[in-house]
């Protein structure tokens, strides 16, 4: 099957695909801002230049396009045949090129996530397909808020220091009861 567009037309179409400020990113950012979360965008010094960085909570959020990052892409067989997923379809033209490109992206994403985890950061990923449809979008965004809130609460949780039974009764802080004399 051949491409309906000329190579020049295809190049022009592909070159107009944005890497920043995509619709899914804007949806997530507006939600987080409305929920009271503050963040930085595209911090270049961090691995993978994450879409959203919440340094205070050591949390990064990647908002990934299903095609470019191989969402639910499955390999089968000994010769690593690729099976399309619901949201990630491999083009019929230049299939080998696209499989290699998407595989490299997936490998790079995995390495970056491991770097964050080794450094003690939380990594959250929102997939483009999770934001399709109003109901699913709302569920995804609420789950994202819930996860961030649990990360925040965990960061303030005090370590358990006293896991032993006291040998003697602990002294009370309040004063002993006195009879002040009734008049």
N, C-alpha and C. Protein backbone atom coordinates (compact mmCIF):
# COMPACT_ATOMS: atom_id res chain seq x y z
N UNK A 1 0.85 -1.18 0.00
CA UNK A 1 0.00 0.00 0.00
C UNK A 1 0.90 1.24 0.00
N UNK A 2 0.61 2.16 -0.88
CA UNK A 2 1.45 3.35 -0.95
C UNK A 2 0.76 4.53 -0.27
N UNK A 3 1.57 5.48 0.06
CA UNK A 3 1.07 6.68 0.73
C UNK A 3 0.29 7.53 -0.27
N UNK A 4 -0.80 8.13 0.19
CA UNK A 4 -1.61 8.99 -0.67
C UNK A 4 -0.95 10.34 -0.91
N UNK A 5 -0.01 10.70 -0.06
CA UNK A 5 0.68 11.98 -0.19
C UNK A 5 2.07 11.79 -0.79
N UNK A 6 2.56 12.83 -1.42
CA UNK A 6 3.93 12.78 -1.93
C UNK A 6 4.87 12.88 -0.73
N UNK A 7 6.13 12.48 -0.89
CA UNK A 7 7.08 12.60 0.22
C UNK A 7 7.20 14.03 0.76
N UNK A 8 7.11 15.03 -0.12
CA UNK A 8 7.19 16.42 0.32
C UNK A 8 5.96 16.79 1.15
N UNK A 9 4.78 16.37 0.71
CA UNK A 9 3.56 16.66 1.46
C UNK A 9 3.57 15.96 2.82
N UNK A 10 4.04 14.71 2.81
CA UNK A 10 4.10 13.96 4.07
C UNK A 10 5.08 14.62 5.03
N UNK A 11 6.22 15.06 4.51
CA UNK A 11 7.21 15.74 5.34
C UNK A 11 6.62 17.00 5.96
N UNK A 12 5.88 17.76 5.16
CA UNK A 12 5.27 18.99 5.65
C UNK A 12 4.26 18.68 6.75
N UNK A 13 3.44 17.67 6.56
CA UNK A 13 2.44 17.28 7.58
C UNK A 13 3.13 16.86 8.87
N UNK A 14 4.14 16.01 8.76
CA UNK A 14 4.81 15.49 9.95
C UNK A 14 5.59 16.60 10.66
N UNK A 15 6.12 17.57 9.94
CA UNK A 15 6.90 18.63 10.57
C UNK A 15 6.02 19.60 11.36
N UNK A 16 4.72 19.57 11.11
CA UNK A 16 3.81 20.46 11.84
C UNK A 16 3.26 19.85 13.12
N UNK A 17 3.67 18.63 13.42
CA UNK A 17 3.23 18.01 14.67
C UNK A 17 4.07 18.61 15.80
N UNK A 18 3.37 19.17 16.78
CA UNK A 18 4.06 19.88 17.86
C UNK A 18 4.55 18.90 18.93
N UNK A 19 5.63 19.30 19.58
CA UNK A 19 6.14 18.51 20.71
C UNK A 19 5.76 19.16 22.03
N UNK A 20 5.46 20.45 22.01
CA UNK A 20 5.10 21.18 23.23
C UNK A 20 3.74 21.81 23.05
N UNK A 21 3.09 22.05 24.19
CA UNK A 21 1.79 22.71 24.21
C UNK A 21 0.74 21.98 23.36
N UNK A 22 0.77 20.68 23.41
CA UNK A 22 -0.23 19.90 22.70
C UNK A 22 -1.56 19.98 23.45
N UNK A 23 -2.64 19.60 22.78
CA UNK A 23 -3.96 19.68 23.40
C UNK A 23 -4.04 18.87 24.70
N UNK A 24 -3.54 17.61 24.72
CA UNK A 24 -3.58 16.87 25.99
C UNK A 24 -2.80 17.55 27.11
N UNK A 25 -1.65 18.14 26.77
CA UNK A 25 -0.85 18.85 27.78
C UNK A 25 -1.62 20.03 28.34
N UNK A 26 -2.26 20.80 27.49
CA UNK A 26 -3.00 21.98 27.94
C UNK A 26 -4.16 21.57 28.83
N UNK A 27 -4.85 20.49 28.48
CA UNK A 27 -5.96 20.00 29.31
C UNK A 27 -5.46 19.65 30.71
N UNK A 28 -4.36 18.91 30.79
CA UNK A 28 -3.82 18.50 32.09
C UNK A 28 -3.34 19.71 32.88
N UNK A 29 -2.64 20.63 32.23
CA UNK A 29 -2.12 21.81 32.92
C UNK A 29 -3.24 22.68 33.47
N UNK A 30 -4.28 22.89 32.69
CA UNK A 30 -5.41 23.71 33.18
C UNK A 30 -6.07 23.05 34.38
N UNK A 31 -6.21 21.73 34.33
CA UNK A 31 -6.81 21.01 35.45
C UNK A 31 -5.95 21.16 36.71
N UNK A 32 -4.66 20.91 36.57
CA UNK A 32 -3.77 20.99 37.73
C UNK A 32 -3.77 22.39 38.33
N UNK A 33 -3.73 23.41 37.47
CA UNK A 33 -3.71 24.79 37.96
C UNK A 33 -5.02 25.09 38.71
N UNK A 34 -6.15 24.67 38.16
CA UNK A 34 -7.44 24.90 38.81
C UNK A 34 -7.53 24.16 40.15
N UNK A 35 -6.84 23.03 40.26
CA UNK A 35 -6.83 22.25 41.51
C UNK A 35 -5.85 22.83 42.54
N UNK A 36 -5.10 23.85 42.15
CA UNK A 36 -4.19 24.50 43.09
C UNK A 36 -2.76 24.00 43.06
N UNK A 37 -2.44 23.13 42.11
CA UNK A 37 -1.07 22.63 41.99
C UNK A 37 -0.24 23.61 41.16
N UNK A 38 0.97 23.86 41.61
CA UNK A 38 1.87 24.74 40.88
C UNK A 38 3.03 23.91 40.35
N UNK A 39 3.52 24.28 39.19
CA UNK A 39 4.49 23.44 38.49
C UNK A 39 5.34 24.28 37.56
N UNK A 40 6.37 23.64 37.02
CA UNK A 40 7.21 24.22 35.97
C UNK A 40 7.03 23.38 34.72
N UNK A 41 7.28 23.98 33.57
CA UNK A 41 7.13 23.28 32.30
C UNK A 41 8.48 23.00 31.66
N UNK A 42 8.63 21.81 31.09
CA UNK A 42 9.76 21.44 30.24
C UNK A 42 11.11 21.82 30.84
N UNK A 43 11.39 21.37 32.02
CA UNK A 43 12.67 21.67 32.66
C UNK A 43 13.76 20.88 31.94
N UNK A 44 14.62 21.59 31.26
CA UNK A 44 15.61 20.95 30.39
C UNK A 44 16.69 20.17 31.12
N UNK A 45 17.01 20.54 32.34
CA UNK A 45 18.08 19.86 33.06
C UNK A 45 17.71 18.47 33.54
N UNK A 46 16.45 18.12 33.48
CA UNK A 46 16.00 16.81 33.95
C UNK A 46 15.92 15.83 32.78
N UNK A 47 16.09 14.54 33.06
CA UNK A 47 16.05 13.54 31.98
C UNK A 47 14.71 13.55 31.24
N UNK A 48 14.77 13.58 29.94
CA UNK A 48 13.57 13.50 29.13
C UNK A 48 12.79 14.79 29.03
N UNK A 49 13.29 15.87 29.64
CA UNK A 49 12.61 17.16 29.63
C UNK A 49 11.11 16.98 29.88
N UNK A 50 10.73 16.63 31.11
CA UNK A 50 9.33 16.31 31.40
C UNK A 50 8.38 17.47 31.10
N UNK A 51 7.14 17.12 30.79
CA UNK A 51 6.15 18.13 30.45
C UNK A 51 5.80 18.99 31.66
N UNK A 52 5.68 18.36 32.83
CA UNK A 52 5.33 19.08 34.05
C UNK A 52 6.26 18.61 35.17
N UNK A 53 6.80 19.58 35.93
CA UNK A 53 7.69 19.26 37.04
C UNK A 53 7.16 19.93 38.30
N UNK A 54 6.97 19.13 39.34
CA UNK A 54 6.60 19.63 40.66
C UNK A 54 7.77 19.33 41.58
N UNK A 55 8.76 20.19 41.55
CA UNK A 55 10.02 19.96 42.26
C UNK A 55 9.81 19.80 43.76
N UNK A 56 8.89 20.58 44.31
CA UNK A 56 8.62 20.55 45.74
C UNK A 56 8.23 19.15 46.22
N UNK A 57 7.56 18.41 45.35
CA UNK A 57 7.10 17.06 45.70
C UNK A 57 7.89 15.97 44.98
N UNK A 58 8.98 16.36 44.32
CA UNK A 58 9.82 15.43 43.56
C UNK A 58 8.96 14.57 42.64
N UNK A 59 8.15 15.25 41.84
CA UNK A 59 7.23 14.57 40.94
C UNK A 59 7.33 15.16 39.54
N UNK A 60 7.39 14.29 38.55
CA UNK A 60 7.35 14.72 37.15
C UNK A 60 6.16 14.04 36.48
N UNK A 61 5.58 14.75 35.52
CA UNK A 61 4.46 14.20 34.77
C UNK A 61 4.81 14.26 33.29
N UNK A 62 4.69 13.11 32.64
CA UNK A 62 4.86 13.02 31.20
C UNK A 62 3.48 12.85 30.59
N UNK A 63 3.16 13.66 29.59
CA UNK A 63 1.90 13.53 28.87
C UNK A 63 2.28 13.03 27.48
N UNK A 64 2.05 11.74 27.26
CA UNK A 64 2.57 11.08 26.07
C UNK A 64 1.50 10.87 25.01
N UNK A 65 1.89 11.09 23.77
CA UNK A 65 1.05 10.73 22.63
C UNK A 65 1.17 9.23 22.43
N UNK A 66 0.04 8.57 22.21
CA UNK A 66 0.03 7.11 22.11
C UNK A 66 0.88 6.61 20.95
N UNK A 67 0.82 7.28 19.80
CA UNK A 67 1.59 6.83 18.65
C UNK A 67 3.08 6.98 18.89
N UNK A 68 3.52 8.15 19.31
CA UNK A 68 4.95 8.44 19.41
C UNK A 68 5.65 7.65 20.51
N UNK A 69 4.90 7.25 21.53
CA UNK A 69 5.51 6.55 22.66
C UNK A 69 5.07 5.10 22.75
N UNK A 70 4.39 4.59 21.71
CA UNK A 70 4.06 3.17 21.62
C UNK A 70 3.17 2.65 22.73
N UNK A 71 2.10 3.37 23.04
CA UNK A 71 1.21 2.95 24.12
C UNK A 71 0.58 1.59 23.81
N UNK A 72 0.79 0.65 24.73
CA UNK A 72 0.24 -0.71 24.63
C UNK A 72 0.67 -1.45 23.37
N UNK A 73 1.78 -1.06 22.79
CA UNK A 73 2.30 -1.75 21.62
C UNK A 73 2.81 -3.11 22.06
N UNK A 74 2.48 -4.15 21.32
CA UNK A 74 2.80 -5.50 21.74
C UNK A 74 3.73 -6.14 20.70
N UNK A 75 4.74 -6.83 21.19
CA UNK A 75 5.62 -7.61 20.32
C UNK A 75 5.29 -9.09 20.52
N UNK A 76 5.28 -9.86 19.42
CA UNK A 76 5.01 -11.28 19.55
C UNK A 76 5.94 -12.06 18.63
N UNK A 77 6.15 -13.29 18.99
CA UNK A 77 6.95 -14.16 18.16
C UNK A 77 8.44 -13.95 18.36
N UNK A 78 9.21 -14.88 17.80
CA UNK A 78 10.66 -14.82 17.96
C UNK A 78 11.28 -13.71 17.14
N UNK A 79 10.65 -13.38 16.00
CA UNK A 79 11.23 -12.32 15.18
C UNK A 79 10.67 -10.94 15.53
N UNK A 80 10.04 -10.84 16.72
CA UNK A 80 9.59 -9.56 17.26
C UNK A 80 8.59 -8.86 16.34
N UNK A 81 7.60 -9.59 15.83
CA UNK A 81 6.54 -8.95 15.05
C UNK A 81 5.78 -7.99 15.95
N UNK A 82 5.40 -6.86 15.40
CA UNK A 82 4.67 -5.86 16.18
C UNK A 82 3.19 -6.03 15.94
N UNK A 83 2.44 -6.02 17.02
CA UNK A 83 1.00 -6.08 16.94
C UNK A 83 0.47 -4.72 17.36
N UNK A 84 -0.38 -4.13 16.54
CA UNK A 84 -0.94 -2.83 16.88
C UNK A 84 -1.80 -2.93 18.13
N UNK A 85 -1.92 -1.82 18.83
CA UNK A 85 -2.83 -1.75 19.96
C UNK A 85 -4.03 -0.92 19.53
N UNK A 86 -4.98 -0.74 20.45
CA UNK A 86 -6.17 0.04 20.13
C UNK A 86 -5.82 1.48 19.76
N UNK A 87 -4.86 2.05 20.47
CA UNK A 87 -4.59 3.47 20.27
C UNK A 87 -3.29 3.75 19.54
N UNK A 88 -2.54 2.74 19.20
CA UNK A 88 -1.26 2.95 18.52
C UNK A 88 -1.21 2.07 17.27
N UNK A 89 -1.40 2.67 16.13
CA UNK A 89 -1.38 1.94 14.86
C UNK A 89 -0.10 2.25 14.11
N UNK A 90 0.60 1.22 13.71
CA UNK A 90 1.83 1.39 12.93
C UNK A 90 1.44 1.68 11.48
N UNK A 91 2.03 2.72 10.87
CA UNK A 91 1.70 3.02 9.47
C UNK A 91 2.04 1.85 8.54
N UNK A 92 1.29 1.75 7.47
CA UNK A 92 1.50 0.67 6.50
C UNK A 92 2.69 0.95 5.58
N UNK A 93 3.10 2.21 5.49
CA UNK A 93 4.26 2.53 4.68
C UNK A 93 5.46 2.75 5.60
N UNK A 94 6.62 2.33 5.15
CA UNK A 94 7.87 2.45 5.92
C UNK A 94 7.72 1.86 7.32
N UNK A 95 7.10 0.72 7.39
CA UNK A 95 6.79 0.07 8.67
C UNK A 95 8.03 -0.16 9.51
N UNK A 96 9.10 -0.64 8.90
CA UNK A 96 10.33 -0.90 9.66
C UNK A 96 10.88 0.38 10.31
N UNK A 97 10.86 1.47 9.54
CA UNK A 97 11.32 2.75 10.07
C UNK A 97 10.52 3.14 11.30
N UNK A 98 9.19 3.06 11.23
CA UNK A 98 8.33 3.49 12.33
C UNK A 98 8.47 2.57 13.54
N UNK A 99 8.61 1.29 13.30
CA UNK A 99 8.79 0.36 14.43
C UNK A 99 10.09 0.68 15.15
N UNK A 100 11.16 0.92 14.41
CA UNK A 100 12.44 1.25 15.04
C UNK A 100 12.36 2.58 15.80
N UNK A 101 11.72 3.56 15.19
CA UNK A 101 11.61 4.88 15.84
C UNK A 101 10.81 4.79 17.13
N UNK A 102 9.66 4.15 17.09
CA UNK A 102 8.81 4.05 18.27
C UNK A 102 9.49 3.20 19.35
N UNK A 103 10.17 2.15 18.93
CA UNK A 103 10.90 1.30 19.89
C UNK A 103 11.99 2.10 20.59
N UNK A 104 12.74 2.91 19.84
CA UNK A 104 13.76 3.77 20.46
C UNK A 104 13.13 4.74 21.45
N UNK A 105 11.98 5.31 21.09
CA UNK A 105 11.29 6.22 22.01
C UNK A 105 10.89 5.49 23.29
N UNK A 106 10.37 4.28 23.16
CA UNK A 106 9.95 3.51 24.33
C UNK A 106 11.15 3.17 25.21
N UNK A 107 12.26 2.80 24.59
CA UNK A 107 13.47 2.48 25.36
C UNK A 107 13.99 3.72 26.09
N UNK A 108 14.01 4.86 25.41
CA UNK A 108 14.45 6.11 26.02
C UNK A 108 13.55 6.48 27.20
N UNK A 109 12.23 6.33 27.01
CA UNK A 109 11.28 6.63 28.09
C UNK A 109 11.55 5.75 29.30
N UNK A 110 11.81 4.47 29.07
CA UNK A 110 12.07 3.53 30.16
C UNK A 110 13.34 3.94 30.93
N UNK A 111 14.38 4.27 30.21
CA UNK A 111 15.64 4.68 30.85
C UNK A 111 15.43 5.94 31.69
N UNK A 112 14.69 6.90 31.15
CA UNK A 112 14.43 8.14 31.89
C UNK A 112 13.62 7.88 33.16
N UNK A 113 12.61 7.03 33.07
CA UNK A 113 11.80 6.72 34.25
C UNK A 113 12.67 6.06 35.32
N UNK A 114 13.55 5.16 34.92
CA UNK A 114 14.43 4.50 35.89
C UNK A 114 15.38 5.50 36.54
N UNK A 115 15.85 6.48 35.79
CA UNK A 115 16.71 7.52 36.37
C UNK A 115 15.97 8.27 37.47
N UNK A 116 14.74 8.65 37.19
CA UNK A 116 13.95 9.36 38.20
C UNK A 116 13.71 8.49 39.44
N UNK A 117 13.35 7.25 39.22
CA UNK A 117 13.05 6.37 40.36
C UNK A 117 14.28 6.15 41.23
N UNK A 118 15.45 5.98 40.59
CA UNK A 118 16.68 5.83 41.37
C UNK A 118 17.00 7.09 42.17
N UNK A 119 16.59 8.24 41.66
CA UNK A 119 16.85 9.50 42.36
C UNK A 119 15.76 9.83 43.37
N UNK A 120 14.78 8.95 43.51
CA UNK A 120 13.72 9.15 44.51
C UNK A 120 12.57 10.03 44.04
N UNK A 121 12.41 10.21 42.75
CA UNK A 121 11.33 11.01 42.21
C UNK A 121 10.12 10.13 41.90
N UNK A 122 8.95 10.75 41.86
CA UNK A 122 7.72 10.08 41.44
C UNK A 122 7.51 10.42 39.96
N UNK A 123 7.16 9.42 39.18
CA UNK A 123 6.93 9.62 37.75
C UNK A 123 5.50 9.23 37.43
N UNK A 124 4.76 10.17 36.87
CA UNK A 124 3.39 9.92 36.47
C UNK A 124 3.30 10.10 34.95
N UNK A 125 2.56 9.22 34.31
CA UNK A 125 2.39 9.30 32.87
C UNK A 125 0.91 9.36 32.55
N UNK A 126 0.53 10.34 31.75
CA UNK A 126 -0.84 10.46 31.26
C UNK A 126 -0.78 10.21 29.76
N UNK A 127 -1.58 9.27 29.29
CA UNK A 127 -1.60 8.93 27.87
C UNK A 127 -2.70 9.72 27.16
N UNK A 128 -2.42 10.06 25.93
CA UNK A 128 -3.36 10.82 25.10
C UNK A 128 -4.74 10.15 25.06
N UNK A 129 -4.78 8.84 24.95
CA UNK A 129 -6.07 8.14 24.85
C UNK A 129 -6.88 8.22 26.14
N UNK A 130 -6.21 8.48 27.27
CA UNK A 130 -6.92 8.60 28.54
C UNK A 130 -7.68 9.91 28.65
N UNK A 131 -7.44 10.82 27.74
CA UNK A 131 -8.09 12.12 27.77
C UNK A 131 -9.14 12.27 26.67
N UNK A 132 -9.47 11.17 26.01
CA UNK A 132 -10.49 11.21 24.95
C UNK A 132 -11.84 10.92 25.57
N UNK A 133 -12.81 11.72 25.23
CA UNK A 133 -14.14 11.55 25.79
C UNK A 133 -14.23 12.26 27.13
N UNK A 134 -15.28 13.00 27.32
CA UNK A 134 -15.42 13.84 28.52
C UNK A 134 -15.39 13.03 29.81
N UNK A 135 -16.11 11.91 29.83
CA UNK A 135 -16.19 11.10 31.06
C UNK A 135 -14.83 10.50 31.41
N UNK A 136 -14.16 9.93 30.43
CA UNK A 136 -12.85 9.33 30.67
C UNK A 136 -11.82 10.39 31.04
N UNK A 137 -11.91 11.55 30.41
CA UNK A 137 -11.00 12.65 30.72
C UNK A 137 -11.16 13.07 32.18
N UNK A 138 -12.40 13.21 32.62
CA UNK A 138 -12.65 13.61 34.00
C UNK A 138 -12.13 12.56 34.99
N UNK A 139 -12.35 11.29 34.69
CA UNK A 139 -11.84 10.22 35.56
C UNK A 139 -10.32 10.25 35.63
N UNK A 140 -9.67 10.43 34.50
CA UNK A 140 -8.21 10.47 34.45
C UNK A 140 -7.67 11.64 35.25
N UNK A 141 -8.26 12.81 35.07
CA UNK A 141 -7.78 13.99 35.77
C UNK A 141 -8.02 13.90 37.27
N UNK A 142 -9.15 13.35 37.67
CA UNK A 142 -9.42 13.17 39.10
C UNK A 142 -8.44 12.16 39.71
N UNK A 143 -8.15 11.09 38.97
CA UNK A 143 -7.17 10.10 39.45
C UNK A 143 -5.78 10.73 39.56
N UNK A 144 -5.44 11.60 38.64
CA UNK A 144 -4.16 12.30 38.67
C UNK A 144 -4.08 13.18 39.92
N UNK A 145 -5.13 13.95 40.20
CA UNK A 145 -5.16 14.79 41.40
C UNK A 145 -5.04 13.95 42.66
N UNK A 146 -5.75 12.83 42.68
CA UNK A 146 -5.70 11.94 43.84
C UNK A 146 -4.29 11.41 44.06
N UNK A 147 -3.63 11.01 42.98
CA UNK A 147 -2.27 10.48 43.08
C UNK A 147 -1.30 11.55 43.59
N UNK A 148 -1.41 12.75 43.06
CA UNK A 148 -0.52 13.83 43.50
C UNK A 148 -0.77 14.15 44.97
N UNK A 149 -2.04 14.19 45.37
CA UNK A 149 -2.35 14.45 46.78
C UNK A 149 -1.78 13.37 47.68
N UNK A 150 -1.84 12.12 47.25
CA UNK A 150 -1.27 11.04 48.08
C UNK A 150 0.25 11.15 48.15
N UNK A 151 0.89 11.60 47.08
CA UNK A 151 2.34 11.83 47.10
C UNK A 151 2.67 12.94 48.10
N UNK A 152 1.87 14.00 48.09
CA UNK A 152 2.10 15.12 49.01
C UNK A 152 1.94 14.65 50.45
N UNK A 153 0.87 13.90 50.72
CA UNK A 153 0.65 13.41 52.08
C UNK A 153 1.77 12.48 52.53
N UNK A 154 2.23 11.63 51.64
CA UNK A 154 3.34 10.73 51.99
C UNK A 154 4.61 11.50 52.30
N UNK A 155 4.81 12.63 51.62
CA UNK A 155 6.02 13.41 51.87
C UNK A 155 6.00 14.07 53.25
N UNK A 156 4.81 14.28 53.82
CA UNK A 156 4.70 14.88 55.14
C UNK A 156 4.54 13.85 56.25
N UNK A 157 4.39 12.59 55.90
CA UNK A 157 4.21 11.55 56.90
C UNK A 157 5.48 11.41 57.73
N UNK A 158 5.31 11.40 59.03
CA UNK A 158 6.46 11.26 59.92
C UNK A 158 6.86 9.80 60.03
N UNK A 159 8.14 9.53 60.14
CA UNK A 159 8.55 8.15 60.32
C UNK A 159 8.11 7.65 61.69
N UNK A 160 7.79 6.38 61.77
CA UNK A 160 7.37 5.80 63.03
C UNK A 160 8.62 5.61 63.89
N UNK A 161 8.70 6.32 65.00
CA UNK A 161 9.91 6.30 65.81
C UNK A 161 9.78 5.40 67.04
N UNK A 162 8.61 5.32 67.58
CA UNK A 162 8.44 4.59 68.82
C UNK A 162 7.58 3.35 68.56
N UNK A 163 8.23 2.27 68.24
CA UNK A 163 7.49 1.05 67.99
C UNK A 163 7.69 0.04 69.12
N UNK A 164 7.91 0.53 70.34
CA UNK A 164 8.08 -0.34 71.49
C UNK A 164 7.04 0.03 72.54
N UNK A 165 6.80 -0.87 73.44
CA UNK A 165 5.86 -0.63 74.54
C UNK A 165 6.63 0.01 75.69
N UNK A 166 6.15 1.12 76.23
CA UNK A 166 6.85 1.73 77.36
C UNK A 166 6.79 0.81 78.58
N UNK A 167 7.90 0.73 79.32
CA UNK A 167 7.96 -0.16 80.49
C UNK A 167 7.20 0.42 81.67
N UNK A 168 7.17 1.72 81.79
CA UNK A 168 6.46 2.33 82.90
C UNK A 168 5.39 3.25 82.35
N UNK A 169 4.45 3.59 83.18
CA UNK A 169 3.37 4.45 82.74
C UNK A 169 3.92 5.83 82.43
N UNK A 170 3.48 6.37 81.32
CA UNK A 170 3.95 7.68 80.89
C UNK A 170 3.32 8.75 81.78
N UNK A 171 4.07 9.77 82.11
CA UNK A 171 3.55 10.87 82.92
C UNK A 171 2.57 11.69 82.10
N UNK A 172 1.56 12.19 82.78
CA UNK A 172 0.57 13.02 82.10
C UNK A 172 1.08 14.45 82.03
N UNK A 173 0.71 15.12 81.00
CA UNK A 173 1.12 16.50 80.82
C UNK A 173 0.20 17.42 81.62
N UNK A 174 -1.06 17.07 81.74
CA UNK A 174 -2.03 17.92 82.46
C UNK A 174 -1.76 17.85 83.96
N UNK A 175 -2.15 18.90 84.67
CA UNK A 175 -1.94 18.92 86.10
C UNK A 175 -2.89 17.96 86.80
N UNK A 176 -2.51 17.58 88.00
CA UNK A 176 -3.37 16.70 88.78
C UNK A 176 -4.62 17.47 89.16
N UNK A 177 -5.67 16.74 89.42
CA UNK A 177 -6.91 17.41 89.79
C UNK A 177 -6.84 17.84 91.27
N UNK A 178 -7.21 19.05 91.55
CA UNK A 178 -7.23 19.60 92.90
C UNK A 178 -8.65 20.04 93.26
N UNK A 179 -8.93 19.95 94.54
CA UNK A 179 -10.20 20.47 95.01
C UNK A 179 -9.96 21.89 95.44
N UNK A 180 -10.48 22.81 94.69
CA UNK A 180 -10.22 24.22 94.95
C UNK A 180 -11.13 24.79 96.04
N UNK A 181 -11.83 23.98 96.67
CA UNK A 181 -12.69 24.42 97.77
C UNK A 181 -13.92 25.14 97.26
N UNK A 182 -15.02 24.57 97.62
CA UNK A 182 -16.28 25.16 97.15
C UNK A 182 -16.75 26.17 98.16
N UNK A 183 -17.20 27.28 97.73
CA UNK A 183 -17.69 28.32 98.63
C UNK A 183 -19.17 28.43 98.60
